[in-house]
C-alpha cells in the first residue's frame, strides 16, 4: 500500500482515538505521569536500599509512552474499538517501564518492594524467568494500576513494568535486533534454535555471577 494511503488511514484512525488535540494532550499527560510516578517510586526504593544495605538492586531504568500508531495497531490486532476508553481498557503497556537489575535475586526484591506500595494494584503477573518464553526470553512482567492525582480527580492508570537482570536485557536487546528487524522469510534454518541455546547459556552465566556475588558478600 502506498505511503500516502497509509498516512491517510492513520490520520483517520487517530481521529477515532482522539476527538481533538486537547484530548490527545490529556491522554499523553496521564500516561507520562504514570511513568514518572512509577520511576520516582523505584528510584526512592533503590536509594533507600543502597543506604540500608550498601548495595543497589537496580542497574538502570528505562521508560516510554506508547506512540499513537502503536496503540492503534495493538487495538486492531485485538479486534478492539479504536477509542480512548478502549485503549485504557485493552492496552496494558501504553505506559511502559523497564527495570534492569544487577542479579536475578534483585528482580524479585524489586517486585516485592513494588507490591508493598499499598496504593498500587497488581492486575497481572507473568514470570518468564521461572518459565521462559518460547524463544528463550526471560523477564518478570507486572501489570500494575497506579493512581494519578490530578487537579480535580484521581485516575487509575494501567502500566506494564518489566523487571529483568542485565544478562536478560543483553539477550533481549540483541535478539530483537537480530530477529525482529530482519525479514523473517530470509532467516537461516536453525536460527531459532540457536537463539534459544544462547538464552540458556546466558541464563547459566547469570546464575553463576549471582552465586559468585553471594559468596563474595558472605566472605566479608
N, C-alpha and C. Protein backbone atom coordinates (compact mmCIF):
# COMPACT_ATOMS: atom_id res chain seq x y z
N UNK A 1 0.85 -1.20 0.00
CA UNK A 1 0.00 0.00 0.00
C UNK A 1 0.89 1.25 0.00
N UNK A 2 0.62 2.23 -0.85
CA UNK A 2 1.46 3.43 -0.91
C UNK A 2 1.50 4.14 0.44
N UNK A 3 2.62 4.83 0.70
CA UNK A 3 2.79 5.53 1.98
C UNK A 3 1.71 6.58 2.18
N UNK A 4 1.31 7.28 1.11
CA UNK A 4 0.29 8.33 1.23
C UNK A 4 -1.03 7.75 1.74
N UNK A 5 -1.39 6.57 1.22
CA UNK A 5 -2.62 5.91 1.65
C UNK A 5 -2.52 5.49 3.11
N UNK A 6 -1.36 4.96 3.50
CA UNK A 6 -1.14 4.59 4.90
C UNK A 6 -1.29 5.78 5.83
N UNK A 7 -0.75 6.92 5.40
CA UNK A 7 -0.83 8.14 6.20
C UNK A 7 -2.27 8.59 6.39
N UNK A 8 -3.07 8.49 5.33
CA UNK A 8 -4.48 8.89 5.40
C UNK A 8 -5.24 7.99 6.36
N UNK A 9 -4.98 6.68 6.27
CA UNK A 9 -5.65 5.71 7.16
C UNK A 9 -5.28 6.00 8.62
N UNK A 10 -3.98 6.25 8.87
CA UNK A 10 -3.53 6.54 10.23
C UNK A 10 -4.18 7.82 10.75
N UNK A 11 -4.28 8.84 9.91
CA UNK A 11 -4.92 10.10 10.32
C UNK A 11 -6.38 9.87 10.70
N UNK A 12 -7.09 9.07 9.91
CA UNK A 12 -8.50 8.80 10.21
C UNK A 12 -8.65 8.00 11.50
N UNK A 13 -7.76 7.03 11.68
CA UNK A 13 -7.82 6.21 12.90
C UNK A 13 -7.43 7.03 14.12
N UNK A 14 -6.52 7.97 13.96
CA UNK A 14 -6.13 8.85 15.06
C UNK A 14 -7.32 9.70 15.50
N UNK A 15 -8.14 10.13 14.53
CA UNK A 15 -9.34 10.91 14.87
C UNK A 15 -10.35 10.08 15.63
N UNK A 16 -10.33 8.76 15.40
CA UNK A 16 -11.20 7.86 16.16
C UNK A 16 -10.70 7.72 17.60
N UNK A 17 -9.38 7.72 17.75
CA UNK A 17 -8.78 7.55 19.08
C UNK A 17 -8.94 8.82 19.90
N UNK A 18 -8.65 9.97 19.30
CA UNK A 18 -8.77 11.26 19.99
C UNK A 18 -9.73 12.15 19.20
N UNK A 19 -10.68 12.75 19.89
CA UNK A 19 -11.62 13.63 19.20
C UNK A 19 -11.00 14.96 18.81
N UNK A 20 -10.05 15.41 19.62
CA UNK A 20 -9.39 16.68 19.31
C UNK A 20 -8.00 16.68 19.96
N UNK A 21 -7.24 17.73 19.68
CA UNK A 21 -5.86 17.80 20.14
C UNK A 21 -5.77 17.90 21.66
N UNK A 22 -6.74 18.56 22.28
CA UNK A 22 -6.75 18.68 23.73
C UNK A 22 -6.90 17.31 24.40
N UNK A 23 -7.74 16.47 23.81
CA UNK A 23 -7.93 15.12 24.33
C UNK A 23 -6.64 14.32 24.21
N UNK A 24 -5.94 14.50 23.10
CA UNK A 24 -4.64 13.84 22.89
C UNK A 24 -3.64 14.28 23.97
N UNK A 25 -3.57 15.57 24.25
CA UNK A 25 -2.63 16.09 25.24
C UNK A 25 -2.94 15.53 26.63
N UNK A 26 -4.22 15.48 26.98
CA UNK A 26 -4.61 14.97 28.29
C UNK A 26 -4.28 13.48 28.43
N UNK A 27 -4.52 12.73 27.36
CA UNK A 27 -4.22 11.30 27.34
C UNK A 27 -2.72 11.07 27.50
N UNK A 28 -1.91 11.78 26.73
CA UNK A 28 -0.47 11.64 26.81
C UNK A 28 0.05 12.03 28.19
N UNK A 29 -0.49 13.12 28.73
CA UNK A 29 -0.06 13.58 30.05
C UNK A 29 -0.36 12.54 31.11
N UNK A 30 -1.51 11.90 31.02
CA UNK A 30 -1.93 10.90 32.00
C UNK A 30 -0.93 9.74 32.06
N UNK A 31 -0.56 9.23 30.90
CA UNK A 31 0.34 8.08 30.87
C UNK A 31 1.79 8.48 31.15
N UNK A 32 2.17 9.69 30.76
CA UNK A 32 3.51 10.17 31.10
C UNK A 32 3.61 10.34 32.62
N UNK A 33 2.52 10.80 33.23
CA UNK A 33 2.50 10.95 34.69
C UNK A 33 2.64 9.60 35.38
N UNK A 34 2.01 8.56 34.80
CA UNK A 34 2.13 7.21 35.36
C UNK A 34 3.58 6.73 35.30
N UNK A 35 4.22 6.95 34.16
CA UNK A 35 5.63 6.57 34.01
C UNK A 35 6.49 7.29 35.04
N UNK A 36 6.28 8.60 35.18
CA UNK A 36 7.08 9.39 36.12
C UNK A 36 6.85 8.95 37.56
N UNK A 37 5.60 8.64 37.89
CA UNK A 37 5.27 8.22 39.25
C UNK A 37 5.96 6.91 39.61
N UNK A 38 5.88 5.94 38.72
CA UNK A 38 6.49 4.63 38.99
C UNK A 38 8.01 4.75 39.02
N UNK A 39 8.56 5.53 38.10
CA UNK A 39 10.02 5.69 38.05
C UNK A 39 10.52 6.36 39.33
N UNK A 40 9.79 7.36 39.82
CA UNK A 40 10.19 8.03 41.06
C UNK A 40 10.15 7.07 42.24
N UNK A 41 9.10 6.24 42.31
CA UNK A 41 8.99 5.25 43.39
C UNK A 41 10.19 4.30 43.36
N UNK A 42 10.54 3.84 42.16
CA UNK A 42 11.66 2.91 42.01
C UNK A 42 12.98 3.56 42.43
N UNK A 43 13.17 4.80 42.06
CA UNK A 43 14.42 5.50 42.41
C UNK A 43 14.52 5.68 43.92
N UNK A 44 13.40 6.00 44.56
CA UNK A 44 13.39 6.16 46.02
C UNK A 44 13.73 4.82 46.70
N UNK A 45 13.11 3.75 46.22
CA UNK A 45 13.37 2.42 46.78
C UNK A 45 14.83 2.02 46.59
N UNK A 46 15.38 2.29 45.42
CA UNK A 46 16.76 1.93 45.13
C UNK A 46 17.73 2.69 46.02
N UNK A 47 17.46 3.97 46.23
CA UNK A 47 18.32 4.79 47.08
C UNK A 47 18.25 4.32 48.53
N UNK A 48 17.02 4.01 48.99
CA UNK A 48 16.85 3.54 50.36
C UNK A 48 17.55 2.21 50.57
N UNK A 49 17.45 1.32 49.59
CA UNK A 49 18.10 0.02 49.65
C UNK A 49 19.62 0.20 49.71
N UNK A 50 20.12 1.15 48.94
CA UNK A 50 21.56 1.42 48.91
C UNK A 50 22.06 1.92 50.26
N UNK A 51 21.29 2.81 50.89
CA UNK A 51 21.66 3.34 52.21
C UNK A 51 21.63 2.23 53.26
N UNK A 52 20.60 1.39 53.18
CA UNK A 52 20.38 0.36 54.20
C UNK A 52 21.33 -0.82 54.07
N UNK A 53 21.60 -1.23 52.82
CA UNK A 53 22.36 -2.46 52.61
C UNK A 53 23.69 -2.24 51.87
N UNK A 54 24.01 -1.00 51.54
CA UNK A 54 25.24 -0.69 50.80
C UNK A 54 25.30 -1.42 49.48
N UNK A 55 24.15 -1.60 48.85
CA UNK A 55 24.07 -2.25 47.54
C UNK A 55 22.80 -1.77 46.85
N UNK A 56 22.89 -1.56 45.54
CA UNK A 56 21.74 -1.09 44.78
C UNK A 56 21.23 -2.22 43.89
N UNK A 57 19.97 -2.62 44.04
CA UNK A 57 19.45 -3.71 43.21
C UNK A 57 19.20 -3.32 41.76
N UNK A 58 18.98 -2.02 41.53
CA UNK A 58 18.62 -1.56 40.19
C UNK A 58 19.85 -1.02 39.47
N UNK A 59 20.11 -1.55 38.29
CA UNK A 59 21.22 -1.08 37.46
C UNK A 59 20.81 0.19 36.71
N UNK A 60 19.66 0.16 36.04
CA UNK A 60 19.12 1.36 35.41
C UNK A 60 17.64 1.14 35.09
N UNK A 61 16.96 2.24 34.78
CA UNK A 61 15.52 2.23 34.47
C UNK A 61 15.30 2.89 33.12
N UNK A 62 14.48 2.26 32.30
CA UNK A 62 14.08 2.85 31.01
C UNK A 62 12.55 2.98 31.01
N UNK A 63 12.05 3.98 30.29
CA UNK A 63 10.60 4.16 30.25
C UNK A 63 10.19 4.78 28.92
N UNK A 64 8.92 4.59 28.58
CA UNK A 64 8.38 5.21 27.38
C UNK A 64 6.85 5.19 27.46
N UNK A 65 6.23 6.09 26.70
CA UNK A 65 4.78 6.07 26.49
C UNK A 65 4.55 5.62 25.05
N UNK A 66 3.71 4.64 24.87
CA UNK A 66 3.47 4.05 23.55
C UNK A 66 2.97 5.12 22.58
N UNK A 67 3.45 5.07 21.34
CA UNK A 67 3.04 6.04 20.32
C UNK A 67 1.60 5.78 19.89
N UNK A 68 0.97 6.82 19.33
CA UNK A 68 -0.40 6.69 18.83
C UNK A 68 -0.50 5.57 17.81
N UNK A 69 0.44 5.49 16.90
CA UNK A 69 0.43 4.45 15.87
C UNK A 69 0.47 3.06 16.50
N UNK A 70 1.33 2.87 17.50
CA UNK A 70 1.45 1.56 18.15
C UNK A 70 0.18 1.20 18.92
N UNK A 71 -0.45 2.20 19.55
CA UNK A 71 -1.70 1.95 20.27
C UNK A 71 -2.78 1.47 19.30
N UNK A 72 -2.89 2.16 18.17
CA UNK A 72 -3.90 1.80 17.17
C UNK A 72 -3.63 0.40 16.62
N UNK A 73 -2.37 0.10 16.32
CA UNK A 73 -2.01 -1.23 15.79
C UNK A 73 -2.37 -2.33 16.77
N UNK A 74 -2.15 -2.08 18.07
CA UNK A 74 -2.45 -3.10 19.08
C UNK A 74 -3.96 -3.29 19.21
N UNK A 75 -4.71 -2.21 19.18
CA UNK A 75 -6.17 -2.31 19.24
C UNK A 75 -6.71 -3.10 18.06
N UNK A 76 -6.13 -2.87 16.88
CA UNK A 76 -6.58 -3.58 15.68
C UNK A 76 -6.24 -5.07 15.77
N UNK A 77 -5.05 -5.40 16.30
CA UNK A 77 -4.67 -6.81 16.45
C UNK A 77 -5.61 -7.54 17.40
N UNK A 78 -6.11 -6.81 18.38
CA UNK A 78 -7.03 -7.40 19.37
C UNK A 78 -8.49 -7.30 18.93
N UNK A 79 -8.72 -6.75 17.72
CA UNK A 79 -10.09 -6.54 17.22
C UNK A 79 -10.93 -5.72 18.19
N UNK A 80 -10.31 -4.67 18.74
CA UNK A 80 -10.99 -3.79 19.68
C UNK A 80 -11.34 -2.47 19.00
N UNK A 81 -12.32 -1.81 19.54
CA UNK A 81 -12.72 -0.48 19.04
C UNK A 81 -11.55 0.50 19.20
N UNK A 82 -11.40 1.38 18.23
CA UNK A 82 -10.36 2.41 18.34
C UNK A 82 -10.96 3.61 19.04
N UNK A 83 -10.68 3.72 20.31
CA UNK A 83 -11.15 4.84 21.13
C UNK A 83 -10.27 4.93 22.36
N UNK A 84 -10.33 6.07 23.06
CA UNK A 84 -9.52 6.23 24.26
C UNK A 84 -9.97 5.26 25.34
N UNK A 85 -11.28 5.10 25.50
CA UNK A 85 -11.80 4.18 26.52
C UNK A 85 -11.34 2.76 26.24
N UNK A 86 -11.36 2.36 24.97
CA UNK A 86 -10.92 1.03 24.59
C UNK A 86 -9.42 0.85 24.83
N UNK A 87 -8.64 1.88 24.52
CA UNK A 87 -7.19 1.81 24.73
C UNK A 87 -6.87 1.66 26.22
N UNK A 88 -7.57 2.40 27.06
CA UNK A 88 -7.33 2.32 28.51
C UNK A 88 -7.66 0.94 29.05
N UNK A 89 -8.67 0.30 28.47
CA UNK A 89 -9.11 -1.00 28.96
C UNK A 89 -8.30 -2.16 28.39
N UNK A 90 -7.92 -2.07 27.12
CA UNK A 90 -7.37 -3.24 26.43
C UNK A 90 -5.86 -3.19 26.16
N UNK A 91 -5.24 -2.02 26.28
CA UNK A 91 -3.80 -1.93 26.01
C UNK A 91 -3.09 -1.74 27.34
N UNK A 92 -2.39 -2.79 27.79
CA UNK A 92 -1.81 -2.77 29.12
C UNK A 92 -0.47 -2.05 29.20
N UNK A 93 0.15 -1.77 28.05
CA UNK A 93 1.52 -1.24 28.08
C UNK A 93 1.65 0.13 27.41
N UNK A 94 0.59 0.95 27.49
CA UNK A 94 0.74 2.32 26.99
C UNK A 94 1.84 3.02 27.78
N UNK A 95 1.80 2.83 29.11
CA UNK A 95 2.90 3.28 29.97
C UNK A 95 3.80 2.07 30.20
N UNK A 96 5.04 2.16 29.76
CA UNK A 96 5.96 1.03 29.89
C UNK A 96 7.22 1.41 30.65
N UNK A 97 7.56 0.61 31.65
CA UNK A 97 8.78 0.84 32.44
C UNK A 97 9.60 -0.44 32.44
N UNK A 98 10.86 -0.33 32.12
CA UNK A 98 11.77 -1.47 32.16
C UNK A 98 12.80 -1.24 33.26
N UNK A 99 12.84 -2.16 34.21
CA UNK A 99 13.78 -2.07 35.32
C UNK A 99 14.85 -3.13 35.12
N UNK A 100 16.09 -2.70 34.93
CA UNK A 100 17.20 -3.64 34.71
C UNK A 100 17.98 -3.75 36.01
N UNK A 101 18.02 -4.96 36.56
CA UNK A 101 18.66 -5.21 37.85
C UNK A 101 20.02 -5.88 37.64
N UNK A 102 20.82 -5.86 38.70
CA UNK A 102 22.15 -6.47 38.60
C UNK A 102 22.08 -7.99 38.57
N UNK A 103 21.28 -8.57 39.45
CA UNK A 103 21.23 -10.02 39.58
C UNK A 103 19.78 -10.52 39.61
N UNK A 104 19.61 -11.84 39.44
CA UNK A 104 18.27 -12.43 39.39
C UNK A 104 17.52 -12.17 40.69
N UNK A 105 18.19 -12.35 41.84
CA UNK A 105 17.53 -12.12 43.13
C UNK A 105 16.99 -10.70 43.23
N UNK A 106 17.72 -9.76 42.64
CA UNK A 106 17.30 -8.35 42.69
C UNK A 106 15.97 -8.14 41.99
N UNK A 107 15.71 -8.93 40.94
CA UNK A 107 14.44 -8.81 40.21
C UNK A 107 13.28 -9.02 41.16
N UNK A 108 13.37 -10.08 41.96
CA UNK A 108 12.27 -10.42 42.88
C UNK A 108 12.25 -9.49 44.09
N UNK A 109 13.41 -8.95 44.47
CA UNK A 109 13.43 -7.96 45.55
C UNK A 109 12.70 -6.70 45.13
N UNK A 110 12.95 -6.26 43.89
CA UNK A 110 12.27 -5.06 43.38
C UNK A 110 10.77 -5.32 43.27
N UNK A 111 10.40 -6.53 42.82
CA UNK A 111 8.98 -6.86 42.74
C UNK A 111 8.31 -6.73 44.11
N UNK A 112 8.92 -7.32 45.14
CA UNK A 112 8.33 -7.28 46.47
C UNK A 112 8.22 -5.85 47.00
N UNK A 113 9.23 -5.02 46.71
CA UNK A 113 9.17 -3.63 47.15
C UNK A 113 8.02 -2.89 46.47
N UNK A 114 7.80 -3.18 45.18
CA UNK A 114 6.70 -2.55 44.47
C UNK A 114 5.34 -3.02 45.00
N UNK A 115 5.23 -4.31 45.28
CA UNK A 115 3.96 -4.85 45.74
C UNK A 115 3.60 -4.36 47.13
N UNK A 116 4.58 -3.86 47.87
CA UNK A 116 4.27 -3.29 49.19
C UNK A 116 3.74 -1.86 49.09
N UNK A 117 3.74 -1.30 47.89
CA UNK A 117 3.18 0.04 47.69
C UNK A 117 1.65 -0.12 47.71
N UNK A 118 1.03 0.24 48.82
CA UNK A 118 -0.38 -0.12 49.05
C UNK A 118 -1.36 0.59 48.13
N UNK A 119 -0.93 1.66 47.48
CA UNK A 119 -1.87 2.36 46.58
C UNK A 119 -1.73 1.89 45.14
N UNK A 120 -0.85 0.90 44.91
CA UNK A 120 -0.72 0.30 43.58
C UNK A 120 -1.35 -1.09 43.60
N UNK A 121 -2.04 -1.44 42.52
CA UNK A 121 -2.75 -2.72 42.46
C UNK A 121 -2.13 -3.60 41.37
N UNK A 122 -1.79 -4.83 41.75
CA UNK A 122 -1.28 -5.80 40.78
C UNK A 122 -2.47 -6.38 40.01
N UNK A 123 -2.43 -6.24 38.67
CA UNK A 123 -3.50 -6.75 37.82
C UNK A 123 -3.12 -8.09 37.20
N UNK A 124 -1.87 -8.21 36.78
CA UNK A 124 -1.44 -9.45 36.12
C UNK A 124 0.06 -9.62 36.34
N UNK A 125 0.48 -10.89 36.53
CA UNK A 125 1.89 -11.20 36.72
C UNK A 125 2.28 -12.33 35.77
N UNK A 126 3.37 -12.12 35.03
CA UNK A 126 3.89 -13.15 34.13
C UNK A 126 5.38 -13.32 34.41
N UNK A 127 5.75 -14.50 34.89
CA UNK A 127 7.15 -14.75 35.24
C UNK A 127 7.80 -15.57 34.14
N UNK A 128 8.45 -14.86 33.20
CA UNK A 128 9.17 -15.52 32.12
C UNK A 128 10.59 -15.90 32.52
N UNK A 129 10.93 -15.70 33.82
CA UNK A 129 12.22 -16.18 34.32
C UNK A 129 12.04 -17.62 34.79
N UNK A 130 10.99 -17.86 35.57
CA UNK A 130 10.69 -19.21 36.02
C UNK A 130 10.28 -20.10 34.85
N UNK A 131 9.53 -19.51 33.91
CA UNK A 131 9.08 -20.24 32.72
C UNK A 131 9.38 -19.38 31.49
N UNK A 132 10.58 -19.54 30.90
CA UNK A 132 10.97 -18.72 29.75
C UNK A 132 9.99 -18.84 28.59
N UNK A 133 9.88 -17.77 27.81
CA UNK A 133 9.02 -17.74 26.63
C UNK A 133 9.55 -18.74 25.59
N UNK A 134 8.76 -18.99 24.56
CA UNK A 134 9.11 -20.00 23.56
C UNK A 134 10.46 -19.74 22.89
N UNK A 135 10.88 -18.48 22.81
CA UNK A 135 12.14 -18.15 22.14
C UNK A 135 13.31 -17.99 23.10
N UNK A 136 13.06 -18.24 24.40
CA UNK A 136 14.13 -18.11 25.39
C UNK A 136 14.09 -16.81 26.17
N UNK A 137 13.16 -15.94 25.83
CA UNK A 137 13.03 -14.64 26.51
C UNK A 137 12.77 -14.82 27.99
N UNK A 138 13.50 -14.06 28.81
CA UNK A 138 13.33 -14.11 30.26
C UNK A 138 13.12 -12.69 30.80
N UNK A 139 12.11 -12.54 31.62
CA UNK A 139 11.82 -11.26 32.26
C UNK A 139 10.61 -11.46 33.16
N UNK A 140 10.45 -10.62 34.15
CA UNK A 140 9.26 -10.63 35.00
C UNK A 140 8.38 -9.46 34.59
N UNK A 141 7.13 -9.74 34.22
CA UNK A 141 6.20 -8.69 33.79
C UNK A 141 5.12 -8.49 34.84
N UNK A 142 4.95 -7.25 35.25
CA UNK A 142 3.89 -6.89 36.19
C UNK A 142 3.01 -5.82 35.54
N UNK A 143 1.72 -6.12 35.41
CA UNK A 143 0.76 -5.09 35.01
C UNK A 143 0.18 -4.51 36.28
N UNK A 144 0.43 -3.22 36.52
CA UNK A 144 0.01 -2.60 37.77
C UNK A 144 -0.78 -1.33 37.49
N UNK A 145 -1.78 -1.11 38.35
CA UNK A 145 -2.59 0.10 38.24
C UNK A 145 -2.09 1.10 39.28
N UNK A 146 -1.75 2.29 38.83
CA UNK A 146 -1.17 3.30 39.71
C UNK A 146 -2.09 4.53 39.75
N UNK A 147 -2.30 5.12 40.92
CA UNK A 147 -3.15 6.32 41.00
C UNK A 147 -2.40 7.56 40.54
N UNK A 148 -3.07 8.37 39.74
CA UNK A 148 -2.53 9.66 39.31
C UNK A 148 -3.46 10.74 39.86
N UNK A 149 -2.93 11.55 40.75
CA UNK A 149 -3.73 12.56 41.44
C UNK A 149 -3.72 13.84 40.62
N UNK A 150 -4.84 14.11 39.95
CA UNK A 150 -4.98 15.29 39.11
C UNK A 150 -5.63 16.42 39.90
N UNK A 151 -5.82 17.56 39.26
CA UNK A 151 -6.28 18.75 39.98
C UNK A 151 -7.66 18.59 40.59
N UNK A 152 -8.55 17.84 39.90
CA UNK A 152 -9.92 17.73 40.41
C UNK A 152 -10.43 16.30 40.56
N UNK A 153 -9.58 15.31 40.27
CA UNK A 153 -9.98 13.91 40.45
C UNK A 153 -8.74 13.01 40.39
N UNK A 154 -8.95 11.74 40.66
CA UNK A 154 -7.87 10.76 40.61
C UNK A 154 -8.16 9.75 39.51
N UNK A 155 -7.14 9.51 38.68
CA UNK A 155 -7.25 8.49 37.62
C UNK A 155 -6.38 7.30 38.01
N UNK A 156 -6.86 6.10 37.71
CA UNK A 156 -6.08 4.89 37.96
C UNK A 156 -5.60 4.35 36.62
N UNK A 157 -4.30 4.36 36.43
CA UNK A 157 -3.71 4.10 35.12
C UNK A 157 -2.95 2.77 35.13
N UNK A 158 -3.19 1.97 34.09
CA UNK A 158 -2.51 0.68 33.95
C UNK A 158 -1.14 0.88 33.30
N UNK A 159 -0.14 0.25 33.87
CA UNK A 159 1.22 0.33 33.32
C UNK A 159 1.85 -1.06 33.35
N UNK A 160 2.71 -1.32 32.37
CA UNK A 160 3.45 -2.58 32.36
C UNK A 160 4.87 -2.32 32.85
N UNK A 161 5.27 -3.09 33.87
CA UNK A 161 6.62 -2.98 34.42
C UNK A 161 7.36 -4.28 34.11
N UNK A 162 8.43 -4.18 33.34
CA UNK A 162 9.28 -5.33 33.04
C UNK A 162 10.51 -5.25 33.92
N UNK A 163 10.78 -6.33 34.65
CA UNK A 163 11.95 -6.37 35.53
C UNK A 163 12.82 -7.54 35.10
N UNK A 164 14.08 -7.25 34.82
CA UNK A 164 14.99 -8.30 34.34
C UNK A 164 16.41 -7.99 34.78
N UNK A 165 17.28 -8.98 34.67
CA UNK A 165 18.69 -8.76 35.00
C UNK A 165 19.43 -8.15 33.81
N UNK A 166 20.65 -7.69 34.06
CA UNK A 166 21.49 -7.14 32.99
C UNK A 166 21.69 -8.19 31.89
N UNK A 167 21.93 -9.43 32.29
CA UNK A 167 22.16 -10.50 31.32
C UNK A 167 20.91 -10.75 30.47
N UNK A 168 19.75 -10.77 31.10
CA UNK A 168 18.49 -10.96 30.37
C UNK A 168 18.25 -9.81 29.40
N UNK A 169 18.58 -8.61 29.83
CA UNK A 169 18.39 -7.44 28.98
C UNK A 169 19.34 -7.46 27.79
N UNK A 170 20.56 -7.93 28.02
CA UNK A 170 21.55 -8.07 26.94
C UNK A 170 21.00 -8.99 25.85
N UNK A 171 20.50 -10.17 26.27
CA UNK A 171 19.97 -11.12 25.28
C UNK A 171 18.75 -10.55 24.56
N UNK A 172 17.81 -9.97 25.31
CA UNK A 172 16.57 -9.46 24.72
C UNK A 172 16.85 -8.36 23.71
N UNK A 173 17.80 -7.48 24.03
CA UNK A 173 18.12 -6.37 23.12
C UNK A 173 18.72 -6.88 21.82
N UNK A 174 19.66 -7.81 21.90
CA UNK A 174 20.30 -8.32 20.69
C UNK A 174 19.35 -9.23 19.91
N UNK A 175 18.53 -10.01 20.61
CA UNK A 175 17.56 -10.88 19.93
C UNK A 175 16.58 -10.04 19.12
N UNK A 176 16.15 -8.94 19.68
CA UNK A 176 15.24 -8.04 18.97
C UNK A 176 15.92 -7.47 17.73
N UNK A 177 17.17 -7.08 17.90
CA UNK A 177 17.90 -6.50 16.77
C UNK A 177 18.14 -7.54 15.68
N UNK A 178 18.46 -8.77 16.07
CA UNK A 178 18.78 -9.82 15.10
C UNK A 178 17.54 -10.36 14.39
N UNK A 179 16.47 -10.58 15.16
CA UNK A 179 15.33 -11.28 14.60
C UNK A 179 14.23 -10.34 14.09
N UNK A 180 13.81 -9.40 14.93
CA UNK A 180 12.62 -8.62 14.59
C UNK A 180 12.88 -7.53 13.57
N UNK A 181 14.14 -7.13 13.42
CA UNK A 181 14.46 -6.14 12.39
C UNK A 181 14.78 -6.80 11.06
N UNK A 182 14.85 -8.13 11.07
CA UNK A 182 15.20 -8.86 9.85
C UNK A 182 13.93 -9.30 9.13
N UNK A 183 14.08 -9.60 7.86
CA UNK A 183 13.00 -10.19 7.07
C UNK A 183 12.85 -11.65 7.52
N UNK A 184 11.70 -11.97 8.14
CA UNK A 184 11.52 -13.30 8.73
C UNK A 184 11.57 -14.41 7.69
N UNK A 185 11.30 -14.07 6.44
CA UNK A 185 11.31 -15.10 5.38
C UNK A 185 12.74 -15.48 4.98
N UNK A 186 13.71 -14.66 5.37
CA UNK A 186 15.10 -14.94 4.97
C UNK A 186 15.97 -15.41 6.13
N UNK A 187 15.36 -15.68 7.31
CA UNK A 187 16.16 -16.15 8.44
C UNK A 187 16.75 -17.52 8.14
N UNK A 188 18.02 -17.73 8.42
CA UNK A 188 18.65 -19.03 8.15
C UNK A 188 17.97 -20.15 8.93
N UNK A 189 18.01 -21.34 8.39
CA UNK A 189 17.44 -22.51 9.05
C UNK A 189 18.19 -22.76 10.36
N UNK A 190 17.43 -23.01 11.43
CA UNK A 190 18.04 -23.32 12.72
C UNK A 190 18.34 -22.12 13.59
N UNK A 191 18.05 -20.90 13.09
CA UNK A 191 18.41 -19.70 13.86
C UNK A 191 17.60 -19.60 15.15
N UNK A 192 16.33 -20.05 15.11
CA UNK A 192 15.51 -20.00 16.32
C UNK A 192 16.08 -20.89 17.41
N UNK A 193 16.55 -22.07 17.02
CA UNK A 193 17.14 -23.00 17.99
C UNK A 193 18.44 -22.42 18.57
N UNK A 194 19.21 -21.76 17.73
CA UNK A 194 20.45 -21.13 18.21
C UNK A 194 20.15 -20.00 19.19
N UNK A 195 19.09 -19.22 18.89
CA UNK A 195 18.68 -18.13 19.78
C UNK A 195 18.33 -18.69 21.17
N UNK A 196 17.55 -19.77 21.17
CA UNK A 196 17.14 -20.38 22.43
C UNK A 196 18.35 -20.91 23.19
N UNK A 197 19.29 -21.52 22.47
CA UNK A 197 20.50 -22.04 23.10
C UNK A 197 21.31 -20.90 23.73
N UNK A 198 21.43 -19.79 23.02
CA UNK A 198 22.15 -18.62 23.56
C UNK A 198 21.47 -18.11 24.84
N UNK A 199 20.13 -18.11 24.83
CA UNK A 199 19.39 -17.66 26.01
C UNK A 199 19.71 -18.55 27.21
N UNK A 200 19.78 -19.87 26.98
CA UNK A 200 20.10 -20.80 28.05
C UNK A 200 21.52 -20.59 28.57
N UNK A 201 22.45 -20.35 27.65
CA UNK A 201 23.86 -20.16 28.04
C UNK A 201 24.01 -18.87 28.84
N UNK A 202 23.34 -17.82 28.41
CA UNK A 202 23.41 -16.54 29.13
C UNK A 202 22.76 -16.67 30.50
N UNK A 203 21.65 -17.43 30.57
CA UNK A 203 20.98 -17.65 31.86
C UNK A 203 21.89 -18.40 32.82
N UNK A 204 22.65 -19.35 32.31
CA UNK A 204 23.59 -20.09 33.16
C UNK A 204 24.67 -19.17 33.71
N UNK A 205 25.17 -18.27 32.86
CA UNK A 205 26.17 -17.28 33.31
C UNK A 205 25.56 -16.35 34.35
N UNK A 206 24.30 -15.95 34.12
CA UNK A 206 23.58 -15.08 35.05
C UNK A 206 23.53 -15.72 36.45
N UNK A 207 23.18 -17.00 36.49
CA UNK A 207 23.11 -17.70 37.78
C UNK A 207 24.49 -17.84 38.42
N UNK A 208 25.50 -18.07 37.60
CA UNK A 208 26.86 -18.20 38.12
C UNK A 208 27.36 -16.88 38.70
N UNK A 209 27.09 -15.77 38.02
CA UNK A 209 27.51 -14.45 38.52
C UNK A 209 26.81 -14.14 39.83
N UNK A 210 25.54 -14.52 39.93
CA UNK A 210 24.80 -14.29 41.18
C UNK A 210 25.40 -15.12 42.31
N UNK A 211 25.75 -16.36 42.02
CA UNK A 211 26.36 -17.23 43.04
C UNK A 211 27.68 -16.65 43.53
N UNK A 212 28.51 -16.15 42.59
CA UNK A 212 29.79 -15.54 42.99
C UNK A 212 29.55 -14.30 43.84
N UNK A 213 28.55 -13.52 43.47
CA UNK A 213 28.21 -12.31 44.24
C UNK A 213 27.87 -12.67 45.68
N UNK A 214 27.02 -13.69 45.85
CA UNK A 214 26.62 -14.11 47.20
C UNK A 214 27.82 -14.62 47.99
N UNK A 215 28.71 -15.36 47.33
CA UNK A 215 29.89 -15.87 48.02
C UNK A 215 30.82 -14.75 48.45
N UNK A 216 30.98 -13.74 47.60
CA UNK A 216 31.84 -12.60 47.93
C UNK A 216 31.23 -11.80 49.08
N UNK A 217 29.91 -11.57 49.01
CA UNK A 217 29.23 -10.84 50.09
C UNK A 217 29.32 -11.61 51.42
N UNK A 218 29.17 -12.95 51.30
CA UNK A 218 29.20 -13.78 52.50
C UNK A 218 30.58 -13.84 53.14
N UNK A 219 31.64 -13.61 52.36
CA UNK A 219 33.01 -13.70 52.87
C UNK A 219 33.43 -12.42 53.59
N UNK A 220 32.65 -11.35 53.41
CA UNK A 220 33.04 -10.08 54.02
C UNK A 220 32.75 -10.11 55.54
